[in-house]
N, C-alpha and C. Protein backbone atom coordinates (compact mmCIF):
# COMPACT_ATOMS: atom_id res chain seq x y z
N UNK A 1 98.00 23.46 74.93
CA UNK A 1 98.46 22.86 73.73
C UNK A 1 98.45 23.91 72.55
N UNK A 2 99.32 24.55 72.07
CA UNK A 2 99.16 25.69 71.12
C UNK A 2 98.62 25.02 69.39
N UNK A 3 97.82 25.94 69.00
CA UNK A 3 96.96 25.90 67.59
C UNK A 3 98.13 25.89 66.68
N UNK A 4 98.42 25.30 65.62
CA UNK A 4 99.32 25.53 64.68
C UNK A 4 98.76 25.33 63.33
N UNK A 5 97.55 24.60 62.89
CA UNK A 5 97.15 24.24 62.02
C UNK A 5 95.39 24.24 62.07
N UNK A 6 94.66 25.17 61.39
CA UNK A 6 93.43 25.08 61.32
C UNK A 6 92.92 24.90 59.94
N UNK A 7 91.87 24.20 59.86
CA UNK A 7 91.00 24.01 58.61
C UNK A 7 89.68 24.45 58.90
N UNK A 8 89.16 25.37 57.33
CA UNK A 8 87.95 25.84 57.70
C UNK A 8 87.18 25.35 56.44
N UNK A 9 85.98 24.92 56.61
CA UNK A 9 85.19 24.41 55.34
C UNK A 9 84.55 25.76 54.91
N UNK A 10 84.78 25.84 53.50
CA UNK A 10 84.17 26.95 52.33
C UNK A 10 83.20 26.74 51.61
N UNK A 11 82.22 27.82 51.32
CA UNK A 11 81.11 27.52 50.43
C UNK A 11 80.62 29.33 50.31
N UNK A 12 79.80 29.43 49.34
CA UNK A 12 79.24 30.44 49.03
C UNK A 12 78.25 31.25 49.92
N UNK A 13 78.04 30.66 51.06
CA UNK A 13 76.92 31.12 51.96
C UNK A 13 77.45 31.98 52.99
N UNK A 14 76.65 32.79 53.52
CA UNK A 14 76.82 33.48 54.30
C UNK A 14 77.48 33.25 55.63
N UNK A 15 77.10 31.93 55.73
CA UNK A 15 77.65 31.06 57.38
C UNK A 15 79.23 30.89 57.03
N UNK A 16 79.50 30.92 55.60
CA UNK A 16 80.85 30.48 55.18
C UNK A 16 81.38 31.76 55.97
N UNK A 17 81.15 33.04 55.48
CA UNK A 17 81.92 34.16 55.75
C UNK A 17 82.18 34.17 57.09
N UNK A 18 81.17 34.13 57.92
CA UNK A 18 81.05 33.92 59.70
C UNK A 18 82.36 33.00 59.73
N UNK A 19 82.12 31.78 59.14
CA UNK A 19 83.16 30.72 59.63
C UNK A 19 84.63 31.18 59.19
N UNK A 20 84.45 31.90 58.15
CA UNK A 20 86.00 32.30 58.06
C UNK A 20 86.60 33.21 58.92
N UNK A 21 85.97 34.31 58.95
CA UNK A 21 86.13 35.09 59.87
C UNK A 21 86.85 34.70 61.18
N UNK A 22 85.82 33.99 61.80
CA UNK A 22 86.08 33.34 62.99
C UNK A 22 87.64 32.72 62.99
N UNK A 23 87.32 31.67 61.51
CA UNK A 23 88.87 31.03 61.71
C UNK A 23 90.00 31.79 61.37
N UNK A 24 89.76 33.14 60.88
CA UNK A 24 91.17 34.03 60.86
C UNK A 24 91.47 34.79 61.93
N UNK A 25 90.61 34.88 62.74
CA UNK A 25 90.94 35.42 64.30
C UNK A 25 91.28 34.60 65.16
N UNK A 26 91.15 33.14 64.85
CA UNK A 26 91.82 32.10 65.79
C UNK A 26 92.98 31.99 65.17
N UNK A 27 93.43 31.90 63.99
CA UNK A 27 94.51 31.83 63.16
C UNK A 27 95.56 32.97 63.92
N UNK A 28 95.11 34.06 63.60
CA UNK A 28 95.92 35.24 64.18
C UNK A 28 96.24 35.08 65.59
N UNK A 29 95.33 34.66 66.24
CA UNK A 29 95.62 34.58 67.67
C UNK A 29 96.56 33.65 68.35
N UNK A 30 96.86 32.79 67.31
CA UNK A 30 97.45 31.48 67.71
C UNK A 30 98.61 31.45 66.81
N UNK A 31 98.68 32.56 65.85
CA UNK A 31 99.90 32.31 65.05
C UNK A 31 100.13 30.78 64.42
N UNK A 32 98.58 30.44 63.61
CA UNK A 32 98.56 29.45 62.90
C UNK A 32 97.95 29.37 61.56
N UNK A 33 98.84 28.32 60.92
CA UNK A 33 98.27 28.21 59.51
C UNK A 33 96.81 27.88 58.98
N UNK A 34 96.29 28.29 58.12
CA UNK A 34 95.02 28.19 57.92
C UNK A 34 94.80 27.64 56.65
N UNK A 35 94.08 26.55 56.42
CA UNK A 35 93.53 25.90 55.27
C UNK A 35 92.39 25.82 55.04
N UNK A 36 91.74 26.66 53.69
CA UNK A 36 90.43 26.70 53.62
C UNK A 36 89.99 25.73 52.26
N UNK A 37 89.24 25.06 52.83
CA UNK A 37 88.62 23.72 52.03
C UNK A 37 87.18 24.36 51.42
N UNK A 38 87.29 24.27 50.04
CA UNK A 38 86.05 24.40 49.22
C UNK A 38 85.66 22.87 48.67
N UNK A 39 84.97 22.20 48.70
CA UNK A 39 84.37 20.90 48.10
C UNK A 39 83.20 21.23 47.13
N UNK A 40 83.28 20.64 46.31
CA UNK A 40 82.33 20.89 45.08
C UNK A 40 81.34 19.41 45.18
N UNK A 41 80.06 19.66 45.26
CA UNK A 41 79.28 18.63 45.59
C UNK A 41 79.27 17.83 44.17
N UNK A 42 79.47 16.56 44.25
CA UNK A 42 79.59 15.81 42.77
C UNK A 42 78.20 15.79 42.15
N UNK A 43 78.17 15.69 41.01
CA UNK A 43 76.80 15.67 40.17
C UNK A 43 76.43 14.25 39.92
N UNK A 44 75.27 14.17 40.45
CA UNK A 44 74.54 12.74 40.97
C UNK A 44 73.20 12.49 39.87
N UNK A 45 73.69 11.84 38.76
CA UNK A 45 72.39 12.00 37.64
C UNK A 45 71.46 10.84 38.48
N UNK A 46 71.69 9.95 39.48
CA UNK A 46 71.34 8.57 39.68
C UNK A 46 69.60 9.07 40.07
N UNK A 47 69.05 10.03 40.53
CA UNK A 47 67.84 10.29 40.84
C UNK A 47 66.77 10.17 39.36
N UNK A 48 67.38 10.30 38.55
CA UNK A 48 66.87 10.76 37.14
C UNK A 48 66.49 9.67 36.37
N UNK A 49 67.44 8.49 36.96
CA UNK A 49 67.21 7.08 36.69
C UNK A 49 66.25 6.44 36.97
N UNK A 50 65.64 6.43 38.50
CA UNK A 50 64.94 6.05 39.17
C UNK A 50 63.59 5.59 38.44
N UNK A 51 62.98 6.46 37.87
CA UNK A 51 61.67 6.38 37.25
C UNK A 51 61.94 5.65 36.10
N UNK A 52 61.00 4.60 35.85
CA UNK A 52 61.43 3.23 34.66
C UNK A 52 61.06 3.93 33.39
N UNK A 53 60.04 4.68 33.57
CA UNK A 53 59.51 5.36 32.57
C UNK A 53 60.50 6.47 31.83
N UNK A 54 60.97 7.07 32.51
CA UNK A 54 62.01 8.21 32.27
C UNK A 54 63.25 7.61 31.69
N UNK A 55 63.48 8.56 30.20
CA UNK A 55 64.75 7.92 29.58
C UNK A 55 65.29 9.21 29.22
N UNK A 56 66.53 9.22 29.41
CA UNK A 56 67.58 10.33 29.18
C UNK A 56 68.75 9.88 28.13
N UNK A 57 68.68 10.50 27.02
CA UNK A 57 69.96 10.31 26.21
C UNK A 57 71.19 10.99 26.62
N UNK A 58 72.01 10.20 26.88
CA UNK A 58 73.16 10.54 27.80
C UNK A 58 73.98 11.60 26.69
N UNK A 59 74.09 11.44 25.63
CA UNK A 59 74.39 12.75 24.81
C UNK A 59 73.88 14.15 25.03
N UNK A 60 72.65 14.18 25.49
CA UNK A 60 71.84 15.18 25.99
C UNK A 60 72.45 15.62 27.11
N UNK A 61 72.78 15.01 28.20
CA UNK A 61 73.25 15.42 29.45
C UNK A 61 74.67 15.79 29.47
N UNK A 62 75.46 15.56 28.36
CA UNK A 62 76.90 16.28 28.49
C UNK A 62 77.04 17.62 28.47
N UNK A 63 75.98 18.58 27.87
CA UNK A 63 76.13 19.82 28.07
C UNK A 63 75.81 20.78 29.27
N UNK A 64 74.78 19.86 29.99
CA UNK A 64 74.51 19.81 31.58
C UNK A 64 75.77 19.90 32.58
N UNK A 65 76.29 18.57 32.14
CA UNK A 65 77.14 18.24 32.75
C UNK A 65 78.68 19.35 32.79
N UNK A 66 78.76 19.81 31.71
CA UNK A 66 79.65 20.87 31.29
C UNK A 66 79.47 21.98 31.89
N UNK A 67 78.30 22.67 31.94
CA UNK A 67 77.70 24.13 32.49
C UNK A 67 77.69 23.68 34.20
N UNK A 68 77.57 22.53 34.55
CA UNK A 68 77.83 22.37 36.04
C UNK A 68 78.91 22.48 36.23
N UNK A 69 80.08 22.06 35.63
CA UNK A 69 81.51 22.05 35.98
C UNK A 69 81.81 23.27 35.79
N UNK A 70 81.45 23.89 34.87
CA UNK A 70 81.89 25.53 34.72
C UNK A 70 81.34 26.02 35.78
N UNK A 71 80.04 26.14 36.39
CA UNK A 71 79.51 26.74 37.54
C UNK A 71 80.38 26.32 38.63
N UNK A 72 80.59 25.10 39.18
CA UNK A 72 81.52 24.71 40.14
C UNK A 72 83.14 25.34 40.40
N UNK A 73 83.47 25.32 39.09
CA UNK A 73 84.86 25.86 38.79
C UNK A 73 84.71 27.47 38.99
N UNK A 74 83.94 28.09 38.59
CA UNK A 74 83.58 29.52 38.72
C UNK A 74 83.50 29.81 40.43
N UNK A 75 82.60 29.13 40.86
CA UNK A 75 82.32 29.15 42.48
C UNK A 75 83.53 28.71 43.40
N UNK A 76 84.35 27.98 42.99
CA UNK A 76 85.44 27.67 43.52
C UNK A 76 86.50 29.12 43.44
N UNK A 77 86.42 29.88 42.56
CA UNK A 77 87.50 30.83 42.07
C UNK A 77 87.09 31.98 42.85
N UNK A 78 85.91 32.09 42.99
CA UNK A 78 85.04 33.03 43.83
C UNK A 78 85.27 32.86 45.46
N UNK A 79 84.97 31.92 45.61
CA UNK A 79 85.62 31.63 47.23
C UNK A 79 87.12 31.46 47.43
N UNK A 80 87.77 31.23 46.75
CA UNK A 80 89.31 31.27 46.91
C UNK A 80 89.81 32.93 46.91
N UNK A 81 89.11 33.74 46.17
CA UNK A 81 89.38 34.99 46.19
C UNK A 81 89.10 35.55 47.46
N UNK A 82 87.55 35.32 48.00
CA UNK A 82 87.38 35.54 49.16
C UNK A 82 88.50 35.03 50.35
N UNK A 83 88.68 33.94 50.16
CA UNK A 83 89.57 33.42 51.18
C UNK A 83 90.86 33.93 51.18
N UNK A 84 91.35 34.21 50.06
CA UNK A 84 92.87 34.77 49.91
C UNK A 84 92.50 36.55 50.63
N UNK A 85 91.70 36.92 50.33
CA UNK A 85 91.26 38.48 50.98
C UNK A 85 91.40 38.62 52.12
N UNK A 86 90.79 37.66 52.53
CA UNK A 86 90.51 37.56 54.20
C UNK A 86 92.12 37.24 54.97
N UNK A 87 92.82 36.38 54.26
CA UNK A 87 94.16 36.10 54.64
C UNK A 87 94.83 37.31 54.87
N UNK A 88 94.93 37.86 53.63
CA UNK A 88 95.48 39.38 53.58
C UNK A 88 94.87 39.84 54.77
N UNK A 89 93.75 40.43 54.69
CA UNK A 89 93.54 41.26 56.04
C UNK A 89 93.93 40.92 57.12
N UNK A 90 93.88 39.65 57.65
CA UNK A 90 94.51 39.20 58.95
C UNK A 90 96.05 39.03 58.92
N UNK A 91 96.29 39.13 57.76
CA UNK A 91 97.88 39.01 57.72
C UNK A 91 98.51 37.78 58.30
N UNK A 92 97.64 36.80 58.03
CA UNK A 92 98.29 35.12 58.26
C UNK A 92 98.69 34.56 57.20
N UNK A 93 99.27 33.60 57.38
CA UNK A 93 99.71 32.16 56.21
C UNK A 93 97.98 31.30 56.21
N UNK A 94 98.16 31.14 54.80
CA UNK A 94 97.09 30.10 54.67
C UNK A 94 97.43 29.36 53.58
N UNK A 95 96.43 28.53 52.85
CA UNK A 95 96.16 27.73 51.78
C UNK A 95 95.30 27.54 51.35
N UNK A 96 94.72 27.32 50.13
CA UNK A 96 93.50 27.20 49.72
C UNK A 96 93.32 26.03 48.85
N UNK A 97 92.60 25.13 49.32
CA UNK A 97 92.12 23.55 48.75
C UNK A 97 90.56 23.44 47.98
N UNK A 98 90.72 22.93 46.69
CA UNK A 98 89.41 22.45 46.11
C UNK A 98 89.76 21.23 45.93
N UNK A 99 88.06 20.55 46.46
CA UNK A 99 88.26 19.03 45.86
C UNK A 99 86.44 18.86 45.37
N UNK A 100 86.27 17.58 44.78
CA UNK A 100 84.84 17.15 44.63
C UNK A 100 84.53 16.06 45.42
N UNK A 101 83.36 16.13 45.97
CA UNK A 101 82.95 14.96 46.55
C UNK A 101 82.07 15.36 47.80
N UNK A 102 81.78 14.46 48.95
CA UNK A 102 81.07 15.05 49.96
C UNK A 102 82.33 15.79 51.05
N UNK A 103 81.86 16.69 51.47
CA UNK A 103 82.61 17.53 52.39
C UNK A 103 83.25 16.97 53.55
N UNK A 104 82.31 16.17 54.09
CA UNK A 104 82.50 15.52 55.60
C UNK A 104 83.76 14.59 55.18
N UNK A 105 83.47 13.82 54.06
CA UNK A 105 84.63 12.60 53.54
C UNK A 105 85.89 13.24 53.13
N UNK A 106 85.84 14.53 52.43
CA UNK A 106 87.09 14.97 51.98
C UNK A 106 87.90 15.80 53.01
N UNK A 107 87.24 15.86 53.96
CA UNK A 107 87.90 16.78 55.09
C UNK A 107 88.70 15.91 56.38
N UNK A 108 88.07 14.85 56.17
CA UNK A 108 88.60 13.64 56.96
C UNK A 108 90.02 13.10 56.70
């Protein structure tokens, strides 16, 4: 059975670079379309509120949330740039997708 579509999970780790190279090799070998998926982990402030004596003014959280979003967007752009470069080098077709949530759930 021929492979026509491949999905590879991407992140800024060294392991991701290895996964991407392997996925590009497979896609090139099978003339398959490669989808690179980057999943930003959701910001979960729940642990901060588990301690009853701990109080956080939600107005103070907003700048931290904005910084986190900016960092996630920057990381996503960097990962996409690396992905597109590998596609170009391998001369294969592909597309990049970014989402927020649990990586396993989003890939399913």
